[in-house]
């Protein structure tokens, strides 16, 4: 069944996918944004986020992917917008919406 989620990098139109890591995805994105690097360079930001997502699993052939559309059965979607905002949607409910700075400072359960 999986624990599926994606990060959508709005400016690039790319979705970063995890099959098993939905519960760890918020923290991975927070760590990536906490570096405060390349916030206004979406192709580099996408790479920074993806590297944090796959940390420790770099040599595995499964579990992560990159695509240009939303996966059909994810339960978490984190959107990084063109104006440096984050939206976290779990199932059909928005659980966080704010700036990168606000997201970094937020405590998530």
C-alpha atoms as a PDB file:
ATOM      1  CA  UNK A   1       0.000   0.000   0.000  1.00  0.00           C
ATOM      2  CA  UNK A   2       2.716   2.509   0.841  1.00  0.00           C
ATOM      3  CA  UNK A   3       2.926   5.814   2.672  1.00  0.00           C
ATOM      4  CA  UNK A   4       2.825   8.031  -0.401  1.00  0.00           C
ATOM      5  CA  UNK A   5       3.404  11.776  -0.645  1.00  0.00           C
ATOM      6  CA  UNK A   6       4.808  14.429  -2.941  1.00  0.00           C
ATOM      7  CA  UNK A   7       6.454  17.825  -2.886  1.00  0.00           C
ATOM      8  CA  UNK A   8       5.270  20.070  -5.713  1.00  0.00           C
ATOM      9  CA  UNK A   9       7.805  22.683  -6.837  1.00  0.00           C
ATOM     10  CA  UNK A  10       5.326  25.072  -8.424  1.00  0.00           C
ATOM     11  CA  UNK A  11       7.780  27.192 -10.439  1.00  0.00           C
ATOM     12  CA  UNK A  12       9.287  24.105 -12.102  1.00  0.00           C
ATOM     13  CA  UNK A  13       6.062  22.116 -12.431  1.00  0.00           C
ATOM     14  CA  UNK A  14       7.801  19.102 -10.912  1.00  0.00           C
ATOM     15  CA  UNK A  15       6.592  16.677  -8.254  1.00  0.00           C
ATOM     16  CA  UNK A  16       9.050  14.869  -5.978  1.00  0.00           C
ATOM     17  CA  UNK A  17       7.591  11.537  -4.892  1.00  0.00           C
ATOM     18  CA  UNK A  18       8.105   9.273  -1.906  1.00  0.00           C
ATOM     19  CA  UNK A  19       6.440   5.876  -1.734  1.00  0.00           C
ATOM     20  CA  UNK A  20       7.155   5.164   1.932  1.00  0.00           C
ATOM     21  CA  UNK A  21       8.112   8.508   3.491  1.00  0.00           C
ATOM     22  CA  UNK A  22       4.965  10.633   3.822  1.00  0.00           C
ATOM     23  CA  UNK A  23       5.313  10.767   7.598  1.00  0.00           C
ATOM     24  CA  UNK A  24       8.917  12.068   7.290  1.00  0.00           C
ATOM     25  CA  UNK A  25       8.320  14.451   4.398  1.00  0.00           C
ATOM     26  CA  UNK A  26       7.441  17.587   6.377  1.00  0.00           C
ATOM     27  CA  UNK A  27      10.671  17.283   8.343  1.00  0.00           C
ATOM     28  CA  UNK A  28      12.733  16.675   5.194  1.00  0.00           C
ATOM     29  CA  UNK A  29      11.315  19.812   3.555  1.00  0.00           C
ATOM     30  CA  UNK A  30      11.812  21.814   6.747  1.00  0.00           C
ATOM     31  CA  UNK A  31      15.478  20.755   6.921  1.00  0.00           C
ATOM     32  CA  UNK A  32      15.991  21.621   3.249  1.00  0.00           C
ATOM     33  CA  UNK A  33      14.415  25.072   3.641  1.00  0.00           C
ATOM     34  CA  UNK A  34      16.252  25.705   6.899  1.00  0.00           C
ATOM     35  CA  UNK A  35      19.474  25.901   4.873  1.00  0.00           C
ATOM     36  CA  UNK A  36      18.088  29.145   3.385  1.00  0.00           C
ATOM     37  CA  UNK A  37      19.847  28.439   0.112  1.00  0.00           C
ATOM     38  CA  UNK A  38      18.434  28.856  -3.399  1.00  0.00           C
ATOM     39  CA  UNK A  39      14.942  29.828  -2.252  1.00  0.00           C
ATOM     40  CA  UNK A  40      14.539  31.895  -5.427  1.00  0.00           C
ATOM     41  CA  UNK A  41      16.141  29.349  -7.752  1.00  0.00           C
ATOM     42  CA  UNK A  42      13.499  26.629  -8.098  1.00  0.00           C
ATOM     43  CA  UNK A  43      15.529  24.074 -10.038  1.00  0.00           C
ATOM     44  CA  UNK A  44      18.252  24.122  -7.379  1.00  0.00           C
ATOM     45  CA  UNK A  45      15.674  24.192  -4.583  1.00  0.00           C
ATOM     46  CA  UNK A  46      14.035  21.096  -6.076  1.00  0.00           C
ATOM     47  CA  UNK A  47      17.380  19.303  -5.978  1.00  0.00           C
ATOM     48  CA  UNK A  48      18.060  20.399  -2.395  1.00  0.00           C
ATOM     49  CA  UNK A  49      14.645  19.136  -1.256  1.00  0.00           C
ATOM     50  CA  UNK A  50      14.978  15.868  -3.182  1.00  0.00           C
ATOM     51  CA  UNK A  51      18.444  15.220  -1.745  1.00  0.00           C
ATOM     52  CA  UNK A  52      17.028  15.634   1.751  1.00  0.00           C
ATOM     53  CA  UNK A  53      14.137  13.304   0.891  1.00  0.00           C
ATOM     54  CA  UNK A  54      16.431  10.511  -0.321  1.00  0.00           C
ATOM     55  CA  UNK A  55      19.164  10.956   2.306  1.00  0.00           C
ATOM     56  CA  UNK A  56      20.358   7.470   3.251  1.00  0.00           C
ATOM     57  CA  UNK A  57      18.555   5.843   0.306  1.00  0.00           C
ATOM     58  CA  UNK A  58      20.580   7.313  -2.573  1.00  0.00           C
ATOM     59  CA  UNK A  59      21.596   3.947  -4.027  1.00  0.00           C
ATOM     60  CA  UNK A  60      18.145   2.338  -3.835  1.00  0.00           C
ATOM     61  CA  UNK A  61      16.249   1.882  -7.093  1.00  0.00           C
ATOM     62  CA  UNK A  62      12.822   2.192  -5.500  1.00  0.00           C
ATOM     63  CA  UNK A  63      10.973   4.409  -3.050  1.00  0.00           C
ATOM     64  CA  UNK A  64      11.400   7.823  -4.710  1.00  0.00           C
ATOM     65  CA  UNK A  65      10.684   9.446  -8.036  1.00  0.00           C
ATOM     66  CA  UNK A  66      10.280  12.645 -10.007  1.00  0.00           C
ATOM     67  CA  UNK A  67       7.371  13.407 -12.321  1.00  0.00           C
ATOM     68  CA  UNK A  68       5.367  16.253 -13.824  1.00  0.00           C
ATOM     69  CA  UNK A  69       1.948  15.352 -12.435  1.00  0.00           C
ATOM     70  CA  UNK A  70       0.386  14.572  -9.108  1.00  0.00           C
ATOM     71  CA  UNK A  71       0.372  10.899  -8.149  1.00  0.00           C
ATOM     72  CA  UNK A  72      -3.105   9.453  -7.830  1.00  0.00           C
ATOM     73  CA  UNK A  73      -3.004   7.997  -4.338  1.00  0.00           C
ATOM     74  CA  UNK A  74      -0.882  10.253  -2.145  1.00  0.00           C
ATOM     75  CA  UNK A  75      -2.175  11.337   1.236  1.00  0.00           C
ATOM     76  CA  UNK A  76       0.208  14.264   1.739  1.00  0.00           C
ATOM     77  CA  UNK A  77       1.116  17.028  -0.717  1.00  0.00           C
ATOM     78  CA  UNK A  78       3.560  19.800   0.151  1.00  0.00           C
ATOM     79  CA  UNK A  79       3.563  22.691  -2.301  1.00  0.00           C
ATOM     80  CA  UNK A  80       6.424  25.177  -2.525  1.00  0.00           C
ATOM     81  CA  UNK A  81       5.002  28.190  -4.343  1.00  0.00           C
ATOM     82  CA  UNK A  82       6.678  30.707  -6.620  1.00  0.00           C
ATOM     83  CA  UNK A  83       6.288  33.403  -3.941  1.00  0.00           C
ATOM     84  CA  UNK A  84       8.182  31.391  -1.273  1.00  0.00           C
ATOM     85  CA  UNK A  85       5.207  29.957   0.530  1.00  0.00           C
ATOM     86  CA  UNK A  86       4.507  26.436   1.741  1.00  0.00           C
ATOM     87  CA  UNK A  87       1.188  24.643   1.762  1.00  0.00           C
ATOM     88  CA  UNK A  88       0.832  21.241   3.432  1.00  0.00           C
ATOM     89  CA  UNK A  89      -2.271  19.274   2.534  1.00  0.00           C
ATOM     90  CA  UNK A  90      -3.037  15.972   4.275  1.00  0.00           C
ATOM     91  CA  UNK A  91      -5.803  14.097   2.489  1.00  0.00           C
ATOM     92  CA  UNK A  92      -8.182  16.938   1.668  1.00  0.00           C
ATOM     93  CA  UNK A  93      -7.306  19.255   4.576  1.00  0.00           C
ATOM     94  CA  UNK A  94      -4.740  22.049   4.581  1.00  0.00           C
ATOM     95  CA  UNK A  95      -2.716  21.586   7.775  1.00  0.00           C
ATOM     96  CA  UNK A  96      -0.264  24.441   7.187  1.00  0.00           C
ATOM     97  CA  UNK A  97      -0.028  27.463   4.932  1.00  0.00           C
ATOM     98  CA  UNK A  98       2.586  30.193   5.323  1.00  0.00           C
ATOM     99  CA  UNK A  99       5.973  31.565   4.315  1.00  0.00           C
ATOM    100  CA  UNK A 100       9.171  29.542   4.209  1.00  0.00           C
ATOM    101  CA  UNK A 101      10.285  31.352   7.388  1.00  0.00           C
ATOM    102  CA  UNK A 102       7.028  30.478   9.180  1.00  0.00           C
ATOM    103  CA  UNK A 103       7.306  26.851   8.026  1.00  0.00           C
ATOM    104  CA  UNK A 104      10.858  26.529   9.349  1.00  0.00           C
ATOM    105  CA  UNK A 105       9.767  27.787  12.783  1.00  0.00           C
ATOM    106  CA  UNK A 106       6.627  25.632  12.918  1.00  0.00           C
ATOM    107  CA  UNK A 107       6.516  22.591  15.202  1.00  0.00           C
ATOM    108  CA  UNK A 108       4.835  19.651  13.505  1.00  0.00           C
ATOM    109  CA  UNK A 109       3.524  16.509  15.153  1.00  0.00           C
END
